[in-house]
Protein backbone atom coordinates (compact mmCIF):
# COMPACT_ATOMS: atom_id res chain seq x y z
CA MET A 1 -0.05 0.09 0.00
CA ILE A 2 1.00 3.51 -0.68
CA ASP A 3 -0.56 6.11 1.81
CA ILE A 4 -1.18 9.41 -0.02
CA HIS A 5 -1.47 11.68 3.05
CA THR A 6 0.45 11.65 6.37
CA HIS A 7 1.91 14.08 8.69
CA ILE A 8 4.88 14.46 11.21
CA GLY A 9 4.90 17.28 13.76
CA ARG A 10 2.76 18.92 16.56
CA GLY A 11 -0.80 19.84 16.00
CA THR A 12 -3.13 22.34 17.16
CA VAL A 13 -4.34 20.84 20.45
CA LYS A 14 -2.56 21.85 23.74
CA ASP A 15 -0.74 18.65 25.27
CA GLU A 16 -1.28 16.62 22.22
CA PRO A 17 1.68 14.39 21.61
CA ALA A 18 3.48 14.98 18.55
CA VAL A 19 4.03 12.32 15.92
CA ASN A 20 7.67 11.94 14.85
CA GLU A 21 9.32 9.54 12.32
CA LYS A 22 9.67 6.68 14.39
CA GLU A 23 6.16 6.67 15.56
CA LEU A 24 4.76 7.23 11.99
CA LEU A 25 7.08 4.19 10.58
CA LYS A 26 5.86 2.09 13.56
CA ARG A 27 2.24 2.87 12.69
CA MET A 28 2.95 2.23 8.98
CA ASP A 29 4.23 -1.14 9.81
CA GLU A 30 1.26 -2.02 11.76
CA LEU A 31 -0.92 -1.07 9.32
CA GLU A 32 1.26 -2.85 6.42
CA ILE A 33 1.69 0.32 4.50
CA GLU A 34 4.92 -0.05 2.35
CA ARG A 35 5.26 3.83 1.63
CA ALA A 36 3.76 6.91 2.52
CA VAL A 37 3.54 10.64 1.25
CA LEU A 38 5.03 12.83 4.05
CA LEU A 39 3.24 16.16 3.67
CA PRO A 40 4.48 19.37 5.34
CA ARG A 41 2.47 20.53 8.46
CA GLY A 42 1.26 24.16 8.96
CA VAL A 43 1.39 25.01 5.56
CA SER A 44 -0.62 28.23 5.96
CA PRO A 45 -1.02 30.36 9.21
CA GLU A 46 -4.97 29.17 9.18
CA CYS A 47 -3.89 25.62 9.71
CA SER A 48 -1.41 25.30 12.82
CA PHE A 49 0.95 26.99 15.28
CA PHE A 50 3.46 24.69 14.44
CA HIS A 51 5.17 24.00 11.22
CA PHE A 52 6.99 20.94 9.76
CA GLU A 53 8.76 22.66 6.79
CA THR A 54 9.73 21.14 3.26
CA GLU A 55 13.20 20.85 4.36
CA ASP A 56 12.10 18.85 7.35
CA VAL A 57 10.17 16.31 5.12
CA LEU A 58 13.16 16.18 2.81
CA GLU A 59 15.33 15.22 5.92
CA VAL A 60 13.12 12.32 6.66
CA TYR A 61 12.78 11.25 3.05
CA LYS A 62 16.66 11.11 2.94
CA LYS A 63 16.78 8.86 5.81
CA HIS A 64 14.00 6.52 4.64
CA PRO A 65 13.61 6.87 0.98
CA ASP A 66 12.23 3.38 0.64
CA ARG A 67 9.44 4.41 2.86
CA PHE A 68 8.52 8.15 2.23
CA ILE A 69 7.53 10.00 -0.59
CA SER A 70 8.09 13.90 0.11
CA PHE A 71 5.68 16.82 -0.83
CA CYS A 72 6.96 20.46 -0.38
CA LYS A 73 5.04 23.47 1.29
CA LEU A 74 3.92 26.64 -0.48
CA ASP A 75 0.98 28.93 0.24
CA PRO A 76 -0.52 30.96 -2.76
CA ARG A 77 0.19 34.05 -0.90
CA ASN A 78 3.98 33.52 -0.68
CA GLY A 79 6.44 35.34 -2.75
CA GLY A 80 4.58 38.85 -2.30
CA ASN A 81 0.76 38.14 -2.26
CA SER A 82 0.79 38.47 -6.13
CA PRO A 83 -1.11 36.77 -8.75
CA ASP A 84 2.11 37.14 -10.74
CA THR A 85 4.65 35.51 -8.41
CA ASN A 86 6.91 33.14 -9.99
CA PHE A 87 6.90 29.76 -8.19
CA SER A 88 8.24 27.73 -11.03
CA TRP A 89 12.01 28.36 -9.79
CA LEU A 90 11.15 27.16 -6.18
CA LEU A 91 9.10 24.24 -7.34
CA GLU A 92 11.91 22.99 -9.82
CA GLU A 93 14.46 23.26 -6.98
CA TYR A 94 12.13 21.26 -4.39
CA LYS A 95 11.48 18.70 -7.55
CA GLU A 96 15.39 18.11 -7.92
CA LYS A 97 15.56 17.51 -4.25
CA GLY A 98 12.97 14.81 -4.53
CA CYS A 99 9.65 16.26 -3.94
CA LYS A 100 6.94 14.75 -5.99
CA GLY A 101 3.93 17.00 -5.26
CA VAL A 102 2.61 20.44 -3.39
CA GLY A 103 0.62 20.23 -0.55
CA GLU A 104 -1.62 19.88 1.52
CA LEU A 105 -2.74 23.36 0.47
CA THR A 106 -4.65 24.98 3.36
CA GLY A 107 -4.78 28.66 2.76
CA ASN A 108 -8.17 30.00 2.92
CA LEU A 109 -8.93 31.66 -0.12
CA TYR A 110 -11.29 30.75 -2.86
CA ILE A 111 -9.93 27.92 -4.98
CA ASP A 112 -10.43 30.04 -7.88
CA ASP A 113 -8.89 33.08 -6.43
CA PRO A 114 -6.15 34.59 -8.67
CA LEU A 115 -3.52 33.71 -6.22
CA TYR A 116 -4.35 29.94 -6.06
CA LYS A 117 -4.63 29.74 -9.97
CA ASN A 118 -1.19 31.17 -10.19
CA LEU A 119 0.13 28.65 -7.83
CA PHE A 120 -1.83 25.89 -9.43
CA TYR A 121 -0.41 27.10 -13.12
CA HIS A 122 3.10 26.64 -11.91
CA CYS A 123 2.26 23.30 -10.39
CA GLY A 124 1.34 22.17 -13.87
CA LYS A 125 4.26 23.89 -15.48
CA VAL A 126 6.78 21.95 -13.17
CA GLY A 127 4.70 18.75 -13.39
CA LEU A 128 4.02 18.45 -9.61
CA PRO A 129 0.38 17.42 -8.55
CA ALA A 130 -1.34 19.79 -6.06
CA LEU A 131 -3.20 18.06 -2.85
CA PHE A 132 -5.78 20.70 -1.43
CA HIS A 133 -7.85 20.62 1.70
CA LEU A 134 -11.35 21.86 0.44
CA ALA A 135 -13.17 24.24 2.69
CA VAL A 136 -16.91 25.47 2.83
CA GLY A 137 -16.09 29.01 2.35
CA VAL A 138 -13.63 32.01 3.30
CA LYS A 139 -14.63 32.76 6.84
CA TYR A 140 -13.31 32.54 10.63
CA GLY A 141 -12.60 29.13 12.11
CA ILE A 142 -11.79 26.91 8.99
CA TYR A 143 -8.87 26.51 6.69
CA GLY A 144 -8.38 25.13 3.06
CA ALA A 145 -9.13 26.32 -0.26
CA ALA A 146 -12.63 27.28 -0.49
CA ASP A 147 -15.62 26.46 -2.97
CA ASP A 148 -19.46 27.05 -2.98
CA ILE A 149 -21.88 24.17 -2.70
CA HIS A 150 -21.72 21.84 -5.91
CA LEU A 151 -18.10 22.90 -6.44
CA PRO A 152 -18.52 25.41 -9.40
CA ARG A 153 -15.08 27.22 -8.55
CA LEU A 154 -13.10 23.72 -8.52
CA GLU A 155 -14.68 23.10 -12.05
CA LYS A 156 -13.28 26.34 -13.07
CA VAL A 157 -9.84 25.61 -12.32
CA LEU A 158 -10.01 21.98 -13.58
CA LYS A 159 -10.98 23.57 -17.05
CA GLU A 160 -8.82 26.33 -17.09
CA LEU A 161 -5.72 24.45 -16.08
CA PRO A 162 -5.61 20.94 -17.83
CA ASP A 163 -2.03 20.39 -17.32
CA THR A 164 -2.04 20.47 -13.53
CA ILE A 165 -3.10 17.38 -11.54
CA PHE A 166 -5.42 18.28 -8.58
CA ILE A 167 -5.86 15.81 -5.70
CA GLY A 168 -9.17 16.66 -3.70
CA HIS A 169 -9.22 16.01 0.10
CA ALA A 170 -11.57 16.88 3.16
CA MET A 171 -15.21 17.49 4.09
CA ALA A 172 -16.29 19.95 1.71
CA PHE A 173 -14.96 17.71 -1.19
CA TRP A 174 -16.12 14.34 -0.12
CA SER A 175 -19.72 15.60 1.20
CA GLU A 176 -20.31 16.09 -2.68
CA ILE A 177 -20.16 12.53 -3.33
CA THR A 178 -24.04 12.60 -3.33
CA SER A 179 -26.50 15.25 -4.94
CA GLU A 180 -28.30 15.43 -1.74
CA VAL A 181 -25.68 17.63 -0.07
CA ASP A 182 -26.72 20.83 1.50
CA GLU A 183 -25.31 23.80 3.36
CA GLU A 184 -25.91 22.18 6.90
CA THR A 185 -23.85 18.95 6.01
CA ARG A 186 -21.28 19.94 3.53
CA GLY A 187 -18.77 20.75 6.14
CA GLY A 188 -19.06 17.51 8.05
CA TYR A 189 -19.46 13.73 7.89
CA PRO A 190 -23.09 13.38 6.45
CA LYS A 191 -24.48 9.87 6.84
CA GLY A 192 -27.11 7.73 5.10
CA PRO A 193 -27.58 6.18 1.73
CA VAL A 194 -26.37 8.10 -1.45
CA LYS A 195 -29.62 8.30 -3.40
CA SER A 196 -27.74 9.73 -6.41
CA PRO A 197 -24.25 10.50 -7.41
CA GLY A 198 -23.30 14.16 -6.71
CA ARG A 199 -20.49 16.53 -8.26
CA VAL A 200 -17.52 14.66 -7.07
CA PRO A 201 -18.29 11.66 -9.23
CA GLU A 202 -19.22 13.92 -11.94
CA LEU A 203 -16.07 15.95 -11.98
CA LEU A 204 -13.96 12.82 -11.51
CA LYS A 205 -15.49 11.48 -14.84
CA LYS A 206 -15.19 14.52 -16.72
CA TYR A 207 -11.73 16.11 -15.90
CA PRO A 208 -8.81 13.55 -16.27
CA ASN A 209 -6.75 15.96 -14.16
CA LEU A 210 -8.78 15.37 -11.14
CA TYR A 211 -8.15 12.63 -8.35
CA GLY A 212 -9.69 11.91 -4.86
CA ASP A 213 -7.76 11.55 -1.91
CA LEU A 214 -9.53 9.03 0.39
CA SER A 215 -7.77 9.65 3.60
CA ALA A 216 -9.18 10.82 6.99
CA GLY A 217 -12.84 10.75 8.23
CA SER A 218 -14.03 12.49 5.13
CA GLY A 219 -12.91 10.18 2.46
CA PHE A 220 -13.63 7.12 4.54
CA ASN A 221 -17.03 8.49 5.40
CA ALA A 222 -17.60 9.02 1.77
CA ILE A 223 -17.18 5.40 0.81
CA SER A 224 -18.53 3.77 3.95
CA ARG A 225 -21.93 5.62 4.63
CA ASP A 226 -23.62 3.51 1.81
CA SER A 227 -21.61 0.26 1.45
CA GLU A 228 -23.09 -0.78 -1.80
CA PHE A 229 -22.94 2.80 -3.38
CA GLY A 230 -19.15 3.03 -2.03
CA TYR A 231 -18.14 -0.25 -3.25
CA ARG A 232 -19.66 0.61 -6.91
CA PHE A 233 -17.94 4.07 -6.67
CA LEU A 234 -14.61 2.54 -5.89
CA GLU A 235 -14.79 0.19 -8.87
CA GLU A 236 -16.15 2.69 -11.28
CA PHE A 237 -13.41 5.30 -10.56
CA ARG A 238 -10.62 2.86 -9.75
CA ASP A 239 -8.58 4.93 -12.03
CA LYS A 240 -8.98 8.36 -10.28
CA LEU A 241 -8.75 7.28 -6.35
CA LEU A 242 -5.88 7.39 -4.03
CA PHE A 243 -5.81 5.55 -0.64
CA GLY A 244 -4.60 7.38 2.44
CA THR A 245 -5.08 7.54 6.18
CA ASP A 246 -4.00 11.26 7.21
CA ILE A 247 -2.14 9.94 10.11
CA CYS A 248 -1.16 12.92 12.37
CA HIS A 249 -1.70 11.47 15.97
CA ILE A 250 -0.19 8.92 17.88
CA ASN A 251 -1.70 5.59 18.00
CA GLN A 252 -4.50 6.85 15.43
CA ASP A 253 -6.99 4.60 14.10
CA ALA A 254 -7.10 4.17 10.36
CA PRO A 255 -10.34 2.11 9.52
CA ILE A 256 -9.67 2.69 5.84
CA VAL A 257 -7.19 -0.03 5.99
CA LEU A 258 -9.29 -2.90 7.04
CA TYR A 259 -11.95 -1.70 5.00
CA PHE A 260 -9.91 -2.26 1.76
CA LYS A 261 -8.60 -5.47 3.08
CA LYS A 262 -12.15 -6.85 3.87
CA ALA A 263 -13.88 -5.44 0.79
CA LEU A 264 -11.16 -7.33 -1.42
CA ALA A 265 -11.38 -10.57 0.85
CA GLU A 266 -15.02 -10.42 0.40
CA SER A 267 -15.04 -9.65 -3.39
CA LYS A 268 -16.73 -6.43 -2.77
CA ILE A 269 -14.10 -4.77 -5.11
CA SER A 270 -11.71 -6.39 -7.87
CA GLN A 271 -8.41 -7.14 -7.19
CA THR A 272 -7.67 -4.87 -10.00
CA ALA A 273 -9.61 -1.90 -8.20
CA TYR A 274 -7.64 -2.77 -5.04
CA GLU A 275 -4.36 -2.56 -6.47
CA LYS A 276 -5.00 0.71 -8.53
CA ILE A 277 -6.37 2.56 -5.44
CA THR A 278 -3.97 1.47 -3.00
CA GLU A 279 -0.84 1.67 -4.86
CA GLY A 280 -0.88 1.72 -8.62
CA ASN A 281 -2.54 5.28 -9.05
CA ALA A 282 -0.11 6.83 -6.65
CA LYS A 283 2.82 5.20 -8.68
CA LYS A 284 1.29 6.75 -11.92
CA ILE A 285 1.06 10.28 -10.72
CA ILE A 286 3.86 10.80 -8.01
CA VAL A 287 6.27 8.04 -7.79
């Protein structure tokens, strides 16, 4: 298995133990995860008090190149808070050092803001995918690139920037697995059957440059809230989905691991779908 989403470092809760590389490797071994994408932490000021920088990620990667895949840290406001900032030279530098992607992007601007579009453009120019945390708006109390209900702004950037690979993550993204999403539920973990597919399946089908990060409670909830729909969704979009855990706490539970193993053992999904989602798609776009 290749995990598309893990973190090292201290979080935002007082007295919460920080995850270090030894603990993350231990948890990966327990879960039988062969390799993991290690994302910088505290990419934007909205997200965390404490940072785990690109250089920190690269140091861990150098010690364990067979276990970790490094992403780099950028915020669309870096370099002068300008839609004309040239990010390419820095992205090229990070790419040469071993980075395979950018993110997790957490700056609380609309995803089609000129600042974000500029950063996404340079990601595509350099050939690094952008993993974004999607939020329900630009407002106090949340972090992440923001969109309106039914994801019109995300579709705009997917259409305008076809050379950039986008990896969607978090509640405002995965709640749109169903058309029944509403303003009350889109920022959380809505339950119940999926009566009809929503914007996420539509956009995954329509745009070859969009992938889905199944990590965290948001991704797991999306595929497990309606088991039969979830299995069909995994099978239909087996070329567009990426297994992940979002491990960022000590001894963190990761139910998605058992979910996939059980789904395969019980023939709920095919061997092909299992292999592509848990490893093959990551190899295709980041390894």
